[in-house]
Amino acid sequence: MSILNAIICLILSVVPANRLLVPQGEKPDKGWPAVLLLHDHGARFEKGWQKVIGDNPEPYYSGMAIGDSLAAHGYVVYCADALYWGSRRSHLSQRQFSDSLGGPGEWYARVLADDQASVRYLQSLPFVDSTRIAAAGFSYGAYRAWNLAAEEPAVTVCIAAHWMTTLAQNRYNDSWLCMARKDQQPFAQIAASIAPRPFLLQYGTTDKLFPVSAVDTCIHYIDSVYGGSPVFHSEKYECGHVFTHKHLQNWLFWLKKHL
């Protein structure tokens, strides 16, 4: 761990809702590029940023702490607990919590506002190149990433693994309450508005949460908005709802090329 990382970890130890990782080595003249890493839902709420940073990643990340891997490859990484996860956990059920905020749409509006604040935070750091900020995530983290990129021009690159579908295929249950948007726009239409910025979308052939037929329909629409530009790229994996070493390898390739 670098001296700078040690100092930052000491400071943030009193604020357990987030974690910031800084690469080792000499800072580039304009600062390091940064990745806002957005954690998943997972139907487990005791952890937020700890799902993707540190010594105890969730099983569906194939044993990898993906935040630590990104930092090791030269990216400042920031991850914060979303509302209802980790240090921001509630004793209420998801439905009760959603109702307490005002009903469907309000929960995600607050998550999005927090994610936008995270972008502002990264922009404010003197060792970050504020023109090179990516949003990336798996599952609910992917949903947050492309929604954030659509709303936030300061996100210059988007990477989303295993969250894309049509409204018709959307499986609504209590776990979807944190994702409900007030405007009910088609997901592909929102994601396509990221254009012309680079956007990597990954999905699995046996992912039961997101049927391939629905994902392919969305990809067709997004690609049409991008006009076939290679800065939008979709990758199909022979897997279910998991994040593999190959996913991460391709994240690193995409970031090196576009961020």
Protein backbone atom coordinates (compact mmCIF):
# COMPACT_ATOMS: atom_id res chain seq x y z
CA MET A 1 0.00 0.00 0.00
CA SER A 2 1.37 3.43 -0.91
CA ILE A 3 1.83 6.13 1.75
CA LEU A 4 -0.94 8.14 0.07
CA ASN A 5 -3.30 5.15 0.19
CA ALA A 6 -2.46 4.57 3.84
CA ILE A 7 -3.26 8.18 4.71
CA ILE A 8 -6.53 8.08 2.76
CA CYS A 9 -7.57 4.79 4.37
CA LEU A 10 -6.85 6.27 7.81
CA ILE A 11 -8.99 9.31 7.05
CA LEU A 12 -11.82 7.25 5.58
CA SER A 13 -11.74 4.74 8.43
CA VAL A 14 -14.04 7.07 10.37
CA VAL A 15 -16.42 7.21 7.39
CA PRO A 16 -17.13 3.52 6.68
CA ALA A 17 -19.70 4.33 4.00
CA ASN A 18 -17.08 4.52 1.26
CA ARG A 19 -13.62 3.56 0.14
CA LEU A 20 -11.10 5.32 -2.09
CA LEU A 21 -8.10 3.57 -3.65
CA VAL A 22 -5.19 5.44 -5.23
CA PRO A 23 -2.59 3.78 -7.48
CA GLN A 24 0.97 3.40 -6.33
CA GLY A 25 3.74 5.24 -8.11
CA GLU A 26 4.25 8.75 -9.38
CA LYS A 27 1.14 10.73 -10.17
CA PRO A 28 0.75 11.63 -13.87
CA ASP A 29 0.97 15.35 -14.65
CA LYS A 30 -2.79 15.66 -15.15
CA GLY A 31 -3.66 13.12 -12.47
CA TRP A 32 -4.78 9.51 -12.67
CA PRO A 33 -7.92 8.45 -14.52
CA ALA A 34 -10.67 7.36 -12.14
CA VAL A 35 -13.32 4.65 -11.99
CA LEU A 36 -16.49 5.17 -10.00
CA LEU A 37 -17.19 1.55 -9.12
CA LEU A 38 -20.86 0.91 -8.36
CA HIS A 39 -21.69 -2.13 -6.28
CA ASP A 40 -24.44 -4.66 -6.95
CA HIS A 41 -27.71 -5.51 -5.19
CA GLY A 42 -27.05 -9.19 -4.52
CA ALA A 43 -30.10 -9.61 -2.24
CA ARG A 44 -27.60 -9.05 0.58
CA PHE A 45 -27.47 -5.69 2.24
CA GLU A 46 -24.90 -5.91 5.01
CA LYS A 47 -22.14 -4.90 2.58
CA GLY A 48 -21.87 -2.12 0.02
CA TRP A 49 -18.39 -1.09 -1.15
CA GLN A 50 -17.00 -4.19 0.58
CA LYS A 51 -18.61 -6.31 -2.13
CA VAL A 52 -15.97 -5.10 -4.61
CA ILE A 53 -13.05 -3.81 -2.51
CA GLY A 54 -11.04 -5.59 0.16
CA ASP A 55 -10.51 -9.16 1.33
CA ASN A 56 -14.07 -10.46 1.24
CA PRO A 57 -15.64 -10.00 -2.21
CA GLU A 58 -19.00 -11.56 -3.01
CA PRO A 59 -18.88 -15.09 -4.53
CA TYR A 60 -20.25 -14.02 -7.91
CA TYR A 61 -17.09 -11.95 -8.53
CA SER A 62 -15.08 -15.16 -8.98
CA GLY A 63 -13.00 -14.45 -5.89
CA MET A 64 -11.84 -11.07 -7.19
CA ALA A 65 -11.89 -7.72 -5.43
CA ILE A 66 -12.36 -5.87 -8.70
CA GLY A 67 -11.76 -2.44 -7.17
CA ASP A 68 -8.32 -3.48 -5.93
CA SER A 69 -7.52 -4.90 -9.38
CA LEU A 70 -8.48 -1.64 -11.09
CA ALA A 71 -6.33 0.38 -8.68
CA ALA A 72 -3.40 -1.97 -9.28
CA HIS A 73 -3.69 -1.12 -12.99
CA GLY A 74 -3.41 2.62 -12.47
CA TYR A 75 -6.94 3.85 -11.76
CA VAL A 76 -8.19 5.81 -8.80
CA VAL A 77 -11.18 3.80 -7.59
CA TYR A 78 -14.05 5.08 -5.49
CA CYS A 79 -16.99 3.06 -4.23
CA ALA A 80 -19.67 4.19 -1.77
CA ASP A 81 -22.48 2.34 -0.05
CA ALA A 82 -25.76 2.89 -1.89
CA LEU A 83 -28.79 3.83 0.15
CA TYR A 84 -29.92 0.66 2.05
CA TRP A 85 -26.56 -1.16 1.81
CA GLY A 86 -23.63 -1.51 4.18
CA SER A 87 -23.38 1.38 6.64
CA ARG A 88 -26.67 2.75 5.24
CA ARG A 89 -28.64 -0.41 5.99
CA SER A 90 -32.21 -0.17 7.29
CA HIS A 91 -34.22 -2.47 9.57
CA LEU A 92 -37.15 -2.03 7.16
CA SER A 93 -37.91 -4.46 4.34
CA GLN A 94 -37.29 -3.23 0.81
CA ARG A 95 -40.99 -2.50 0.30
CA GLN A 96 -41.33 -0.74 3.63
CA PHE A 97 -38.20 1.28 2.92
CA SER A 98 -39.44 2.29 -0.53
CA ASP A 99 -42.79 3.32 0.92
CA SER A 100 -41.05 5.34 3.63
CA LEU A 101 -39.31 7.39 0.92
CA GLY A 102 -42.50 8.14 -0.95
CA GLY A 103 -43.05 5.09 -3.12
CA PRO A 104 -41.65 3.76 -6.44
CA GLY A 105 -39.13 6.02 -8.12
CA GLU A 106 -37.98 7.96 -5.09
CA TRP A 107 -35.46 5.36 -3.91
CA TYR A 108 -33.59 5.24 -7.19
CA ALA A 109 -33.77 9.03 -7.55
CA ARG A 110 -31.81 9.27 -4.31
CA VAL A 111 -29.32 6.59 -5.37
CA LEU A 112 -28.74 8.45 -8.64
CA ALA A 113 -28.24 11.75 -6.80
CA ASP A 114 -25.66 10.07 -4.56
CA ASP A 115 -23.87 8.59 -7.59
CA GLN A 116 -23.78 12.02 -9.21
CA ALA A 117 -22.30 13.41 -5.99
CA SER A 118 -19.63 10.70 -6.20
CA VAL A 119 -18.67 11.97 -9.65
CA ARG A 120 -18.37 15.50 -8.24
CA TYR A 121 -16.19 14.13 -5.45
CA LEU A 122 -13.81 12.44 -7.90
CA GLN A 123 -13.63 15.63 -9.98
CA SER A 124 -12.58 17.56 -6.87
CA LEU A 125 -9.60 15.36 -6.04
CA PRO A 126 -6.28 17.01 -7.00
CA PHE A 127 -4.74 13.70 -8.05
CA VAL A 128 -7.60 12.76 -10.44
CA ASP A 129 -7.80 13.81 -14.09
CA SER A 130 -11.35 15.18 -13.99
CA THR A 131 -11.73 14.68 -17.74
CA ARG A 132 -11.19 10.91 -17.44
CA ILE A 133 -13.84 9.39 -15.18
CA ALA A 134 -15.52 6.05 -15.87
CA ALA A 135 -18.63 4.56 -14.28
CA ALA A 136 -18.60 0.78 -14.04
CA GLY A 137 -20.48 -1.99 -12.31
CA PHE A 138 -21.96 -5.47 -12.33
CA SER A 139 -25.68 -6.27 -11.97
CA TYR A 140 -27.36 -3.41 -10.05
CA GLY A 141 -24.00 -1.68 -10.34
CA ALA A 142 -24.32 -1.92 -14.13
CA TYR A 143 -27.83 -0.48 -13.97
CA ARG A 144 -26.49 2.40 -11.89
CA ALA A 145 -23.56 2.87 -14.27
CA TRP A 146 -25.52 3.36 -17.49
CA ASN A 147 -28.22 5.40 -15.81
CA LEU A 148 -25.56 7.63 -14.29
CA ALA A 149 -23.67 8.01 -17.57
CA ALA A 150 -26.92 8.94 -19.32
CA GLU A 151 -27.56 11.71 -16.78
CA GLU A 152 -23.99 12.84 -16.12
CA PRO A 153 -21.85 14.22 -18.99
CA ALA A 154 -18.76 14.14 -16.75
CA VAL A 155 -18.78 10.33 -17.04
CA THR A 156 -16.56 9.82 -20.07
CA VAL A 157 -16.70 6.01 -20.25
CA CYS A 158 -19.39 3.54 -19.16
CA ILE A 159 -18.97 -0.17 -18.45
CA ALA A 160 -22.00 -2.27 -17.55
CA ALA A 161 -21.97 -6.02 -16.90
CA HIS A 162 -25.20 -8.05 -16.73
CA TRP A 163 -28.00 -5.51 -16.48
CA MET A 164 -29.99 -4.75 -19.59
CA THR A 165 -33.49 -5.76 -20.62
CA THR A 166 -36.75 -4.51 -22.09
CA LEU A 167 -39.60 -3.12 -20.04
CA ALA A 168 -41.70 -6.09 -21.13
CA GLN A 169 -39.16 -8.57 -19.72
CA ASN A 170 -38.51 -6.62 -16.53
CA ARG A 171 -39.29 -8.89 -13.56
CA TYR A 172 -40.89 -6.66 -10.99
CA ASN A 173 -40.62 -7.71 -7.35
CA ASP A 174 -39.49 -6.08 -4.13
CA SER A 175 -35.85 -6.17 -5.22
CA TRP A 176 -36.69 -3.97 -8.19
CA LEU A 177 -37.98 -1.18 -5.96
CA CYS A 178 -34.49 0.35 -5.72
CA MET A 179 -34.36 0.49 -9.53
CA ALA A 180 -37.77 1.94 -10.38
CA ARG A 181 -37.57 5.20 -12.29
CA LYS A 182 -40.32 7.77 -12.10
CA ASP A 183 -40.34 8.35 -15.86
CA GLN A 184 -40.65 4.66 -16.91
CA GLN A 185 -38.51 5.22 -20.01
CA PRO A 186 -37.38 2.12 -21.92
CA PHE A 187 -34.03 1.01 -20.56
CA ALA A 188 -32.36 0.86 -23.98
CA GLN A 189 -33.48 4.40 -24.73
CA ILE A 190 -31.86 5.67 -21.55
CA ALA A 191 -28.65 3.75 -22.16
CA ALA A 192 -28.46 4.87 -25.79
CA SER A 193 -28.37 8.49 -24.68
CA ILE A 194 -24.80 7.86 -23.48
CA ALA A 195 -23.78 8.19 -27.16
CA PRO A 196 -21.30 9.15 -28.46
CA ARG A 197 -19.24 8.32 -25.37
CA PRO A 198 -17.63 4.85 -25.12
CA PHE A 199 -19.97 2.21 -23.69
CA LEU A 200 -19.14 -1.45 -23.03
CA LEU A 201 -22.10 -3.74 -22.31
CA GLN A 202 -21.53 -7.33 -21.15
CA TYR A 203 -24.14 -10.08 -20.73
CA GLY A 204 -24.48 -13.84 -20.30
CA THR A 205 -26.17 -16.47 -22.43
CA THR A 206 -27.57 -18.28 -19.39
CA ASP A 207 -28.27 -15.26 -17.19
CA LYS A 208 -31.79 -16.04 -15.96
CA LEU A 209 -32.36 -12.48 -14.76
CA PHE A 210 -31.89 -11.02 -18.24
CA PRO A 211 -33.05 -13.20 -21.17
CA VAL A 212 -30.76 -13.04 -24.18
CA SER A 213 -33.64 -12.18 -26.51
CA ALA A 214 -34.47 -9.08 -24.47
CA VAL A 215 -30.82 -8.04 -24.18
CA ASP A 216 -30.30 -8.45 -27.92
CA THR A 217 -33.35 -6.27 -28.61
CA CYS A 218 -31.84 -3.53 -26.46
CA ILE A 219 -28.42 -3.90 -28.05
CA HIS A 220 -29.93 -3.55 -31.51
CA TYR A 221 -31.55 -0.27 -30.50
CA ILE A 222 -28.48 1.12 -28.72
CA ASP A 223 -26.24 0.20 -31.66
CA SER A 224 -28.62 1.98 -34.06
CA VAL A 225 -28.35 5.17 -32.00
CA TYR A 226 -24.56 4.87 -32.00
CA GLY A 227 -24.73 4.39 -35.77
CA GLY A 228 -22.63 1.26 -35.61
CA SER A 229 -19.71 3.11 -34.01
CA PRO A 230 -17.16 0.81 -32.32
CA VAL A 231 -17.28 2.97 -29.19
CA PHE A 232 -20.39 0.98 -28.35
CA HIS A 233 -19.47 -2.66 -27.90
CA SER A 234 -21.50 -5.58 -26.56
CA GLU A 235 -19.93 -8.81 -25.32
CA LYS A 236 -21.77 -12.10 -24.89
CA TYR A 237 -20.40 -14.59 -22.34
CA GLU A 238 -21.25 -18.27 -21.99
CA CYS A 239 -22.24 -17.87 -18.35
CA GLY A 240 -25.02 -16.95 -15.96
CA HIS A 241 -25.26 -13.98 -13.62
CA VAL A 242 -21.59 -13.91 -12.63
CA PHE A 243 -18.52 -11.74 -13.13
CA THR A 244 -15.49 -13.63 -14.40
CA HIS A 245 -11.79 -12.95 -14.91
CA LYS A 246 -12.56 -12.48 -18.60
CA HIS A 247 -15.05 -9.74 -17.77
CA LEU A 248 -12.39 -7.90 -15.79
CA GLN A 249 -9.73 -8.44 -18.45
CA ASN A 250 -12.02 -6.79 -20.99
CA TRP A 251 -12.83 -3.95 -18.60
CA LEU A 252 -9.12 -3.21 -18.38
CA PHE A 253 -8.75 -3.37 -22.16
CA TRP A 254 -11.70 -1.00 -22.66
CA LEU A 255 -10.44 1.45 -20.06
CA LYS A 256 -6.94 1.48 -21.48
CA LYS A 257 -8.34 2.15 -24.94
CA HIS A 258 -10.97 4.76 -24.11
CA LEU A 259 -10.25 6.41 -20.76
